[in-house]
Amino acid sequence: MQEDAERFYAKTVLTQGDTRIRLATVEWPKEAFATWWARARSTLQGSVDLSRSAYRLPAIDGRAECADDTWTATDARYPSARQRHTAVWTGRHGNDCLGRGSRNR
């Protein structure tokens, strides 16, 4: 993944001979989120009727074992470390793309 002022893009070699190389490029033009959302939101259909929702939050009876300003370690089942990954920064959000786990060197 590469970036210039107007787009994000990726290139790949399709074929390579002694005297020729055939490349392919795919690109995504940059666009401000507000501009994209103004156009995209009108294409969305449907709605959510929250008044008919069957989900209810459980009651808290005061016996919960919670205490302010405390911390407990979480489960150790977390993703493996990544190497050779690519990150894309859009100006507001970061997207981590691809990469290899420590076992896939």
N, C-alpha and C. Protein backbone atom coordinates (compact mmCIF):
# COMPACT_ATOMS: atom_id res chain seq x y z
N MET A 1 0.85 -1.15 0.00
CA MET A 1 0.00 0.00 0.00
C MET A 1 0.91 1.23 0.00
N GLN A 2 0.61 2.15 -0.89
CA GLN A 2 1.36 3.40 -0.97
C GLN A 2 0.36 4.54 -0.98
N GLU A 3 0.90 5.75 -0.80
CA GLU A 3 0.04 6.92 -0.70
C GLU A 3 0.72 8.10 -1.37
N ASP A 4 -0.08 8.89 -2.05
CA ASP A 4 0.39 10.19 -2.51
C ASP A 4 -0.67 11.22 -2.12
N ALA A 5 -0.57 12.42 -2.60
CA ALA A 5 -1.47 13.49 -2.17
C ALA A 5 -2.93 13.22 -2.54
N GLU A 6 -3.19 12.50 -3.62
CA GLU A 6 -4.56 12.32 -4.09
C GLU A 6 -5.15 10.94 -3.85
N ARG A 7 -4.34 9.92 -3.48
CA ARG A 7 -4.86 8.56 -3.45
C ARG A 7 -4.02 7.63 -2.59
N PHE A 8 -4.62 6.47 -2.28
CA PHE A 8 -3.92 5.30 -1.77
C PHE A 8 -3.87 4.33 -2.94
N TYR A 9 -2.77 3.60 -3.10
CA TYR A 9 -2.69 2.69 -4.24
C TYR A 9 -1.75 1.53 -3.96
N ALA A 10 -1.93 0.47 -4.73
CA ALA A 10 -1.07 -0.70 -4.65
C ALA A 10 -0.73 -1.12 -6.06
N LYS A 11 0.49 -1.58 -6.27
CA LYS A 11 0.94 -2.06 -7.57
C LYS A 11 1.45 -3.48 -7.42
N THR A 12 1.32 -4.25 -8.51
CA THR A 12 1.85 -5.60 -8.51
C THR A 12 2.34 -5.94 -9.91
N VAL A 13 3.28 -6.85 -9.99
CA VAL A 13 3.78 -7.34 -11.27
C VAL A 13 2.89 -8.50 -11.70
N LEU A 14 2.27 -8.36 -12.89
CA LEU A 14 1.43 -9.43 -13.42
C LEU A 14 2.26 -10.46 -14.18
N THR A 15 3.12 -9.98 -15.05
CA THR A 15 4.02 -10.86 -15.80
C THR A 15 5.36 -10.17 -15.97
N GLN A 16 6.39 -10.98 -16.08
CA GLN A 16 7.72 -10.42 -16.26
C GLN A 16 8.49 -11.30 -17.25
N GLY A 17 8.96 -10.68 -18.32
CA GLY A 17 9.75 -11.40 -19.31
C GLY A 17 11.13 -10.79 -19.38
N ASP A 18 11.89 -11.20 -20.39
CA ASP A 18 13.25 -10.69 -20.56
C ASP A 18 13.26 -9.21 -20.94
N THR A 19 12.24 -8.78 -21.69
CA THR A 19 12.23 -7.39 -22.17
C THR A 19 11.00 -6.61 -21.76
N ARG A 20 10.06 -7.26 -21.07
CA ARG A 20 8.82 -6.57 -20.69
C ARG A 20 8.41 -6.92 -19.27
N ILE A 21 7.75 -5.96 -18.66
CA ILE A 21 7.11 -6.16 -17.36
C ILE A 21 5.70 -5.61 -17.48
N ARG A 22 4.72 -6.39 -17.06
CA ARG A 22 3.32 -5.94 -17.07
C ARG A 22 2.89 -5.72 -15.63
N LEU A 23 2.45 -4.49 -15.32
CA LEU A 23 2.05 -4.10 -13.97
C LEU A 23 0.55 -3.89 -13.89
N ALA A 24 0.02 -3.98 -12.71
CA ALA A 24 -1.37 -3.62 -12.43
C ALA A 24 -1.38 -2.70 -11.22
N THR A 25 -2.25 -1.72 -11.25
CA THR A 25 -2.39 -0.78 -10.15
C THR A 25 -3.87 -0.70 -9.77
N VAL A 26 -4.13 -0.71 -8.48
CA VAL A 26 -5.47 -0.45 -7.97
C VAL A 26 -5.35 0.78 -7.08
N GLU A 27 -6.34 1.66 -7.13
CA GLU A 27 -6.23 2.89 -6.34
C GLU A 27 -7.57 3.28 -5.74
N TRP A 28 -7.46 4.01 -4.64
CA TRP A 28 -8.62 4.53 -3.93
C TRP A 28 -8.38 6.02 -3.74
N PRO A 29 -9.19 6.86 -4.40
CA PRO A 29 -9.00 8.31 -4.25
C PRO A 29 -9.26 8.75 -2.81
N LYS A 30 -8.51 9.74 -2.39
CA LYS A 30 -8.73 10.31 -1.06
C LYS A 30 -9.95 11.22 -1.11
N GLU A 31 -10.70 11.18 -0.04
CA GLU A 31 -11.90 12.00 0.06
C GLU A 31 -12.14 12.29 1.53
N ALA A 32 -12.51 13.49 1.85
CA ALA A 32 -12.80 13.84 3.24
C ALA A 32 -13.99 13.00 3.72
N PHE A 33 -13.94 12.56 4.97
CA PHE A 33 -15.02 11.74 5.51
C PHE A 33 -16.37 12.44 5.38
N ALA A 34 -16.43 13.72 5.71
CA ALA A 34 -17.70 14.45 5.66
C ALA A 34 -18.29 14.44 4.25
N THR A 35 -17.44 14.55 3.25
CA THR A 35 -17.91 14.52 1.86
C THR A 35 -18.44 13.14 1.51
N TRP A 36 -17.68 12.11 1.87
CA TRP A 36 -18.11 10.74 1.60
C TRP A 36 -19.42 10.43 2.33
N TRP A 37 -19.50 10.78 3.60
CA TRP A 37 -20.69 10.45 4.40
C TRP A 37 -21.92 11.18 3.87
N ALA A 38 -21.77 12.40 3.45
CA ALA A 38 -22.92 13.14 2.90
C ALA A 38 -23.49 12.41 1.69
N ARG A 39 -22.64 11.81 0.88
CA ARG A 39 -23.09 11.06 -0.29
C ARG A 39 -23.58 9.67 0.09
N ALA A 40 -22.85 8.97 0.95
CA ALA A 40 -23.15 7.57 1.27
C ALA A 40 -24.39 7.41 2.13
N ARG A 41 -24.63 8.32 3.04
CA ARG A 41 -25.76 8.14 3.96
C ARG A 41 -27.10 8.12 3.26
N SER A 42 -27.22 8.81 2.13
CA SER A 42 -28.49 8.82 1.40
C SER A 42 -28.76 7.48 0.71
N THR A 43 -27.74 6.63 0.56
CA THR A 43 -27.94 5.33 -0.09
C THR A 43 -28.32 4.24 0.91
N LEU A 44 -28.26 4.53 2.19
CA LEU A 44 -28.59 3.54 3.21
C LEU A 44 -30.10 3.48 3.40
N GLN A 45 -30.58 2.28 3.59
CA GLN A 45 -32.02 2.11 3.80
C GLN A 45 -32.25 1.41 5.12
N GLY A 46 -33.45 1.55 5.62
CA GLY A 46 -33.81 0.86 6.84
C GLY A 46 -33.63 1.74 8.06
N SER A 47 -34.17 1.27 9.14
CA SER A 47 -34.06 1.98 10.40
C SER A 47 -34.17 0.97 11.53
N VAL A 48 -33.84 1.41 12.69
CA VAL A 48 -33.93 0.56 13.88
C VAL A 48 -34.99 1.15 14.78
N ASP A 49 -36.00 0.35 15.09
CA ASP A 49 -37.07 0.79 15.98
C ASP A 49 -36.71 0.36 17.40
N LEU A 50 -36.12 1.26 18.15
CA LEU A 50 -35.68 0.91 19.49
C LEU A 50 -36.83 0.71 20.47
N SER A 51 -38.00 1.22 20.16
CA SER A 51 -39.13 1.06 21.07
C SER A 51 -39.60 -0.39 21.13
N ARG A 52 -39.28 -1.20 20.15
CA ARG A 52 -39.70 -2.61 20.13
C ARG A 52 -38.57 -3.55 20.52
N SER A 53 -37.47 -3.03 20.95
CA SER A 53 -36.32 -3.85 21.28
C SER A 53 -36.63 -4.77 22.46
N ALA A 54 -36.25 -6.03 22.33
CA ALA A 54 -36.49 -7.00 23.39
C ALA A 54 -35.35 -7.03 24.41
N TYR A 55 -34.24 -6.41 24.10
CA TYR A 55 -33.10 -6.45 25.01
C TYR A 55 -33.30 -5.48 26.16
N ARG A 56 -33.05 -5.95 27.34
CA ARG A 56 -33.14 -5.11 28.54
C ARG A 56 -31.85 -5.28 29.32
N LEU A 57 -31.33 -4.21 29.87
CA LEU A 57 -30.15 -4.29 30.71
C LEU A 57 -30.50 -5.01 32.00
N PRO A 58 -29.59 -5.83 32.48
CA PRO A 58 -29.88 -6.53 33.73
C PRO A 58 -29.85 -5.55 34.91
N ALA A 59 -30.62 -5.88 35.91
CA ALA A 59 -30.65 -5.06 37.12
C ALA A 59 -29.35 -5.26 37.89
N ILE A 60 -28.88 -4.22 38.51
CA ILE A 60 -27.69 -4.30 39.35
C ILE A 60 -28.18 -4.25 40.79
N ASP A 61 -27.89 -5.31 41.52
CA ASP A 61 -28.46 -5.43 42.86
C ASP A 61 -27.58 -4.87 43.96
N GLY A 62 -26.45 -4.30 43.63
CA GLY A 62 -25.59 -3.74 44.66
C GLY A 62 -24.60 -4.73 45.23
N ARG A 63 -24.73 -6.00 44.88
CA ARG A 63 -23.81 -7.01 45.39
C ARG A 63 -22.65 -7.25 44.44
N ALA A 64 -22.59 -6.50 43.35
CA ALA A 64 -21.52 -6.70 42.37
C ALA A 64 -20.17 -6.42 43.00
N GLU A 65 -19.18 -7.18 42.61
CA GLU A 65 -17.84 -7.03 43.17
C GLU A 65 -17.03 -6.04 42.35
N CYS A 66 -17.51 -4.83 42.30
CA CYS A 66 -16.81 -3.77 41.57
C CYS A 66 -16.35 -2.72 42.57
N ALA A 67 -15.19 -2.17 42.31
CA ALA A 67 -14.68 -1.11 43.16
C ALA A 67 -14.05 -0.04 42.27
N ASP A 68 -14.30 1.20 42.60
CA ASP A 68 -13.73 2.31 41.83
C ASP A 68 -12.21 2.28 41.93
N ASP A 69 -11.57 2.77 40.86
CA ASP A 69 -10.12 2.93 40.82
C ASP A 69 -9.35 1.64 41.09
N THR A 70 -9.83 0.54 40.55
CA THR A 70 -9.11 -0.72 40.67
C THR A 70 -8.88 -1.29 39.27
N TRP A 71 -7.96 -2.23 39.17
CA TRP A 71 -7.64 -2.82 37.88
C TRP A 71 -7.35 -4.29 38.09
N THR A 72 -7.82 -5.11 37.15
CA THR A 72 -7.55 -6.55 37.18
C THR A 72 -7.04 -6.95 35.81
N ALA A 73 -6.03 -7.77 35.77
CA ALA A 73 -5.49 -8.22 34.49
C ALA A 73 -6.55 -8.98 33.70
N THR A 74 -6.52 -8.82 32.39
CA THR A 74 -7.48 -9.51 31.54
C THR A 74 -6.91 -10.85 31.09
N ASP A 75 -7.72 -11.61 30.43
CA ASP A 75 -7.34 -12.91 29.89
C ASP A 75 -6.12 -12.75 28.98
N ALA A 76 -5.20 -13.67 29.06
CA ALA A 76 -3.96 -13.59 28.29
C ALA A 76 -4.13 -14.05 26.84
N ARG A 77 -5.32 -14.36 26.39
CA ARG A 77 -5.53 -14.80 25.01
C ARG A 77 -5.67 -13.57 24.11
N TYR A 78 -4.58 -13.01 23.71
CA TYR A 78 -4.55 -11.81 22.88
C TYR A 78 -3.86 -12.15 21.57
N PRO A 79 -4.02 -11.33 20.54
CA PRO A 79 -3.38 -11.62 19.25
C PRO A 79 -1.86 -11.65 19.38
N SER A 80 -1.24 -12.45 18.54
CA SER A 80 0.22 -12.52 18.55
C SER A 80 0.82 -11.22 18.04
N ALA A 81 2.07 -11.01 18.36
CA ALA A 81 2.78 -9.81 17.89
C ALA A 81 2.85 -9.82 16.37
N ARG A 82 2.85 -8.66 15.76
CA ARG A 82 2.87 -8.55 14.30
C ARG A 82 4.21 -7.99 13.85
N GLN A 83 4.62 -8.38 12.64
CA GLN A 83 5.83 -7.86 12.03
C GLN A 83 5.52 -7.51 10.59
N ARG A 84 6.27 -6.57 10.06
CA ARG A 84 6.15 -6.17 8.66
C ARG A 84 4.73 -5.75 8.28
N HIS A 85 4.04 -5.12 9.18
CA HIS A 85 2.68 -4.68 8.90
C HIS A 85 2.71 -3.29 8.28
N THR A 86 1.59 -2.91 7.72
CA THR A 86 1.42 -1.58 7.14
C THR A 86 0.28 -0.89 7.85
N ALA A 87 0.45 0.36 8.16
CA ALA A 87 -0.62 1.12 8.79
C ALA A 87 -1.00 2.27 7.88
N VAL A 88 -2.29 2.54 7.79
CA VAL A 88 -2.79 3.64 6.97
C VAL A 88 -3.43 4.66 7.90
N TRP A 89 -3.00 5.89 7.83
CA TRP A 89 -3.57 6.96 8.63
C TRP A 89 -4.42 7.83 7.73
N THR A 90 -5.70 7.97 8.03
CA THR A 90 -6.61 8.74 7.18
C THR A 90 -6.73 10.19 7.65
N GLY A 91 -6.07 10.54 8.71
CA GLY A 91 -6.21 11.87 9.27
C GLY A 91 -7.01 11.84 10.55
N ARG A 92 -7.88 10.83 10.69
CA ARG A 92 -8.67 10.66 11.91
C ARG A 92 -8.55 9.26 12.48
N HIS A 93 -8.41 8.28 11.60
CA HIS A 93 -8.42 6.89 12.05
C HIS A 93 -7.20 6.17 11.49
N GLY A 94 -6.69 5.23 12.25
CA GLY A 94 -5.60 4.40 11.78
C GLY A 94 -6.11 3.01 11.48
N ASN A 95 -5.66 2.41 10.40
CA ASN A 95 -6.04 1.06 10.03
C ASN A 95 -4.77 0.24 9.88
N ASP A 96 -4.67 -0.83 10.64
CA ASP A 96 -3.51 -1.70 10.58
C ASP A 96 -3.81 -2.78 9.56
N CYS A 97 -2.96 -2.92 8.55
CA CYS A 97 -3.22 -3.84 7.45
C CYS A 97 -2.15 -4.91 7.37
N LEU A 98 -2.58 -6.12 7.17
CA LEU A 98 -1.70 -7.25 6.88
C LEU A 98 -0.67 -7.48 7.97
N GLY A 99 0.50 -7.92 7.58
CA GLY A 99 1.55 -8.22 8.55
C GLY A 99 1.66 -9.72 8.77
N ARG A 100 2.65 -10.08 9.53
CA ARG A 100 2.89 -11.49 9.83
C ARG A 100 3.00 -11.67 11.33
N GLY A 101 2.49 -12.79 11.79
CA GLY A 101 2.66 -13.14 13.20
C GLY A 101 4.10 -13.57 13.45
N SER A 102 4.48 -13.68 14.68
CA SER A 102 5.86 -14.02 15.01
C SER A 102 6.25 -15.42 14.54
N ARG A 103 5.29 -16.27 14.27
CA ARG A 103 5.57 -17.63 13.80
C ARG A 103 5.63 -17.72 12.28
N ASN A 104 5.27 -16.66 11.55
CA ASN A 104 5.20 -16.69 10.09
C ASN A 104 6.33 -15.94 9.43
N ARG A 105 7.49 -15.97 9.95
CA ARG A 105 8.60 -15.19 9.40
C ARG A 105 8.97 -15.73 8.08
